[in-house]
Amino acid sequence: MLLSELKKGEKAKITDLSSLGEAVKRRLLDLGISEGSMVCLQCTMPFKGPCMIENCGQSLGIRFLDASGIKVEKIC
């Protein structure tokens, strides 16, 4: 499953970032997002706009295209 496929309020564990570019991976790592991180999708903007996610109490927005490259495992 991809991060962009989650519904609002769903939680997931990031399993794979390999399809992202090195610059995007480095920026996410600087923000505390890496494989194994737990995230919660807060909201998505219309027309494939940015996705707001929460990780360790901080909220951040990422592009829909980048969210589509992040594989996750949904947490029930």
N, C-alpha and C. Protein backbone atom coordinates (compact mmCIF):
# COMPACT_ATOMS: atom_id res chain seq x y z
N MET A 1 0.84 -1.17 0.00
CA MET A 1 0.00 0.00 0.00
C MET A 1 0.90 1.24 0.00
N LEU A 2 0.42 2.30 -0.61
CA LEU A 2 1.17 3.54 -0.69
C LEU A 2 0.63 4.56 0.31
N LEU A 3 1.48 5.46 0.76
CA LEU A 3 1.07 6.49 1.70
C LEU A 3 -0.08 7.32 1.14
N SER A 4 -0.06 7.58 -0.15
CA SER A 4 -1.11 8.39 -0.77
C SER A 4 -2.46 7.68 -0.81
N GLU A 5 -2.50 6.37 -0.56
CA GLU A 5 -3.75 5.61 -0.59
C GLU A 5 -4.44 5.55 0.77
N LEU A 6 -3.78 6.02 1.82
CA LEU A 6 -4.38 6.01 3.15
C LEU A 6 -5.55 7.00 3.21
N LYS A 7 -6.48 6.72 4.09
CA LYS A 7 -7.60 7.62 4.35
C LYS A 7 -7.24 8.51 5.54
N LYS A 8 -7.96 9.61 5.67
CA LYS A 8 -7.73 10.56 6.76
C LYS A 8 -7.83 9.85 8.11
N GLY A 9 -6.82 10.05 8.95
CA GLY A 9 -6.80 9.47 10.29
C GLY A 9 -6.19 8.09 10.39
N GLU A 10 -5.88 7.44 9.26
CA GLU A 10 -5.30 6.10 9.31
C GLU A 10 -3.81 6.18 9.66
N LYS A 11 -3.35 5.18 10.39
CA LYS A 11 -1.95 5.11 10.80
C LYS A 11 -1.25 4.00 10.04
N ALA A 12 0.04 4.20 9.79
CA ALA A 12 0.80 3.21 9.03
C ALA A 12 2.27 3.27 9.42
N LYS A 13 2.97 2.18 9.12
CA LYS A 13 4.41 2.09 9.33
C LYS A 13 5.07 2.16 7.95
N ILE A 14 6.06 3.00 7.81
CA ILE A 14 6.76 3.14 6.53
C ILE A 14 7.65 1.92 6.34
N THR A 15 7.51 1.27 5.16
CA THR A 15 8.27 0.06 4.90
C THR A 15 9.32 0.23 3.80
N ASP A 16 9.13 1.19 2.88
CA ASP A 16 10.07 1.30 1.76
C ASP A 16 10.10 2.73 1.22
N LEU A 17 11.29 3.28 1.12
CA LEU A 17 11.49 4.62 0.55
C LEU A 17 12.37 4.56 -0.70
N SER A 18 12.65 3.36 -1.20
CA SER A 18 13.65 3.20 -2.26
C SER A 18 13.26 3.84 -3.59
N SER A 19 11.98 4.08 -3.83
CA SER A 19 11.58 4.66 -5.12
C SER A 19 11.70 6.19 -5.14
N LEU A 20 12.05 6.79 -4.01
CA LEU A 20 12.21 8.25 -3.94
C LEU A 20 13.63 8.64 -4.34
N GLY A 21 13.79 9.86 -4.78
CA GLY A 21 15.11 10.38 -5.10
C GLY A 21 15.93 10.60 -3.84
N GLU A 22 17.23 10.67 -4.01
CA GLU A 22 18.14 10.83 -2.86
C GLU A 22 17.87 12.12 -2.09
N ALA A 23 17.59 13.21 -2.80
CA ALA A 23 17.34 14.48 -2.12
C ALA A 23 16.09 14.42 -1.26
N VAL A 24 15.04 13.78 -1.76
CA VAL A 24 13.79 13.65 -1.01
C VAL A 24 14.01 12.75 0.20
N LYS A 25 14.71 11.63 0.00
CA LYS A 25 14.99 10.72 1.12
C LYS A 25 15.79 11.43 2.22
N ARG A 26 16.77 12.22 1.82
CA ARG A 26 17.60 12.93 2.79
C ARG A 26 16.76 13.95 3.56
N ARG A 27 15.89 14.66 2.86
CA ARG A 27 15.05 15.66 3.53
C ARG A 27 14.09 14.99 4.51
N LEU A 28 13.49 13.87 4.11
CA LEU A 28 12.59 13.14 5.01
C LEU A 28 13.35 12.63 6.23
N LEU A 29 14.56 12.14 6.02
CA LEU A 29 15.38 11.66 7.13
C LEU A 29 15.70 12.80 8.09
N ASP A 30 15.99 13.99 7.55
CA ASP A 30 16.25 15.16 8.39
C ASP A 30 15.03 15.52 9.24
N LEU A 31 13.84 15.21 8.73
CA LEU A 31 12.60 15.50 9.46
C LEU A 31 12.15 14.35 10.34
N GLY A 32 12.94 13.28 10.40
CA GLY A 32 12.63 12.15 11.27
C GLY A 32 11.80 11.06 10.63
N ILE A 33 11.65 11.09 9.31
CA ILE A 33 10.88 10.07 8.60
C ILE A 33 11.86 9.10 7.95
N SER A 34 11.79 7.83 8.35
CA SER A 34 12.64 6.79 7.76
C SER A 34 11.86 5.49 7.75
N GLU A 35 12.45 4.45 7.17
CA GLU A 35 11.79 3.15 7.17
C GLU A 35 11.60 2.70 8.61
N GLY A 36 10.41 2.25 8.94
CA GLY A 36 10.08 1.86 10.30
C GLY A 36 9.36 2.93 11.09
N SER A 37 9.33 4.17 10.57
CA SER A 37 8.62 5.25 11.25
C SER A 37 7.11 5.03 11.19
N MET A 38 6.43 5.44 12.26
CA MET A 38 4.97 5.38 12.32
C MET A 38 4.43 6.76 11.96
N VAL A 39 3.51 6.81 11.00
CA VAL A 39 2.92 8.07 10.58
C VAL A 39 1.40 7.97 10.59
N CYS A 40 0.76 9.11 10.65
CA CYS A 40 -0.70 9.20 10.58
C CYS A 40 -1.04 10.23 9.51
N LEU A 41 -1.92 9.88 8.58
CA LEU A 41 -2.34 10.81 7.55
C LEU A 41 -3.38 11.75 8.14
N GLN A 42 -3.08 13.04 8.17
CA GLN A 42 -4.00 14.02 8.74
C GLN A 42 -5.01 14.49 7.71
N CYS A 43 -4.55 14.80 6.50
CA CYS A 43 -5.48 15.22 5.45
C CYS A 43 -4.75 15.25 4.11
N THR A 44 -5.53 15.26 3.05
CA THR A 44 -4.99 15.43 1.70
C THR A 44 -5.71 16.59 1.05
N MET A 45 -5.01 17.33 0.24
CA MET A 45 -5.60 18.46 -0.47
C MET A 45 -6.22 17.97 -1.77
N PRO A 46 -7.21 18.68 -2.27
CA PRO A 46 -7.87 18.25 -3.52
C PRO A 46 -6.93 18.33 -4.72
N PHE A 47 -7.32 17.62 -5.76
CA PHE A 47 -6.61 17.62 -7.04
C PHE A 47 -5.16 17.18 -6.91
N LYS A 48 -4.94 16.13 -6.10
CA LYS A 48 -3.60 15.57 -5.89
C LYS A 48 -2.62 16.60 -5.35
N GLY A 49 -3.11 17.41 -4.43
CA GLY A 49 -2.27 18.39 -3.75
C GLY A 49 -1.48 17.72 -2.64
N PRO A 50 -0.82 18.50 -1.81
CA PRO A 50 0.01 17.95 -0.74
C PRO A 50 -0.77 17.11 0.27
N CYS A 51 -0.07 16.20 0.92
CA CYS A 51 -0.62 15.37 1.99
C CYS A 51 0.01 15.84 3.30
N MET A 52 -0.81 15.98 4.33
CA MET A 52 -0.31 16.33 5.66
C MET A 52 -0.20 15.06 6.47
N ILE A 53 1.01 14.80 6.99
CA ILE A 53 1.21 13.61 7.82
C ILE A 53 1.76 14.04 9.18
N GLU A 54 1.56 13.19 10.17
CA GLU A 54 2.08 13.44 11.51
C GLU A 54 3.05 12.34 11.87
N ASN A 55 4.19 12.73 12.42
CA ASN A 55 5.21 11.79 12.88
C ASN A 55 5.81 12.33 14.16
N CYS A 56 5.73 11.56 15.23
CA CYS A 56 6.31 11.95 16.53
C CYS A 56 5.82 13.33 16.99
N GLY A 57 4.55 13.61 16.78
CA GLY A 57 3.97 14.87 17.24
C GLY A 57 4.19 16.07 16.34
N GLN A 58 4.91 15.90 15.25
CA GLN A 58 5.10 17.03 14.33
C GLN A 58 4.36 16.76 13.04
N SER A 59 3.75 17.79 12.49
CA SER A 59 3.02 17.68 11.23
C SER A 59 3.87 18.24 10.11
N LEU A 60 3.80 17.58 8.96
CA LEU A 60 4.51 18.09 7.80
C LEU A 60 3.74 17.75 6.54
N GLY A 61 3.93 18.57 5.54
CA GLY A 61 3.27 18.37 4.25
C GLY A 61 4.26 17.84 3.24
N ILE A 62 3.82 16.85 2.48
CA ILE A 62 4.67 16.32 1.40
C ILE A 62 3.85 16.27 0.12
N ARG A 63 4.53 16.38 -1.00
CA ARG A 63 3.86 16.35 -2.30
C ARG A 63 3.18 15.00 -2.52
N PHE A 64 2.06 15.02 -3.23
CA PHE A 64 1.33 13.80 -3.55
C PHE A 64 2.23 12.83 -4.30
N LEU A 65 3.04 13.33 -5.21
CA LEU A 65 3.94 12.47 -5.99
C LEU A 65 4.93 11.75 -5.07
N ASP A 66 5.46 12.45 -4.08
CA ASP A 66 6.37 11.82 -3.12
C ASP A 66 5.64 10.82 -2.24
N ALA A 67 4.42 11.15 -1.82
CA ALA A 67 3.62 10.23 -1.00
C ALA A 67 3.29 8.96 -1.79
N SER A 68 3.18 9.08 -3.11
CA SER A 68 2.90 7.92 -3.95
C SER A 68 4.12 7.02 -4.10
N GLY A 69 5.28 7.49 -3.70
CA GLY A 69 6.50 6.68 -3.77
C GLY A 69 6.89 6.06 -2.44
N ILE A 70 6.07 6.25 -1.41
CA ILE A 70 6.38 5.73 -0.08
C ILE A 70 5.46 4.55 0.21
N LYS A 71 6.06 3.37 0.36
CA LYS A 71 5.28 2.18 0.68
C LYS A 71 5.10 2.08 2.19
N VAL A 72 3.86 1.74 2.59
CA VAL A 72 3.54 1.65 4.01
C VAL A 72 2.77 0.36 4.30
N GLU A 73 2.74 0.03 5.58
CA GLU A 73 1.95 -1.10 6.07
C GLU A 73 0.93 -0.50 7.04
N LYS A 74 -0.35 -0.62 6.68
CA LYS A 74 -1.42 -0.02 7.47
C LYS A 74 -1.51 -0.68 8.84
N ILE A 75 -1.69 0.15 9.87
CA ILE A 75 -1.85 -0.32 11.24
C ILE A 75 -3.34 -0.25 11.59
N CYS A 76 -3.91 -1.34 12.06
CA CYS A 76 -5.35 -1.37 12.39
C CYS A 76 -5.66 -0.63 13.65
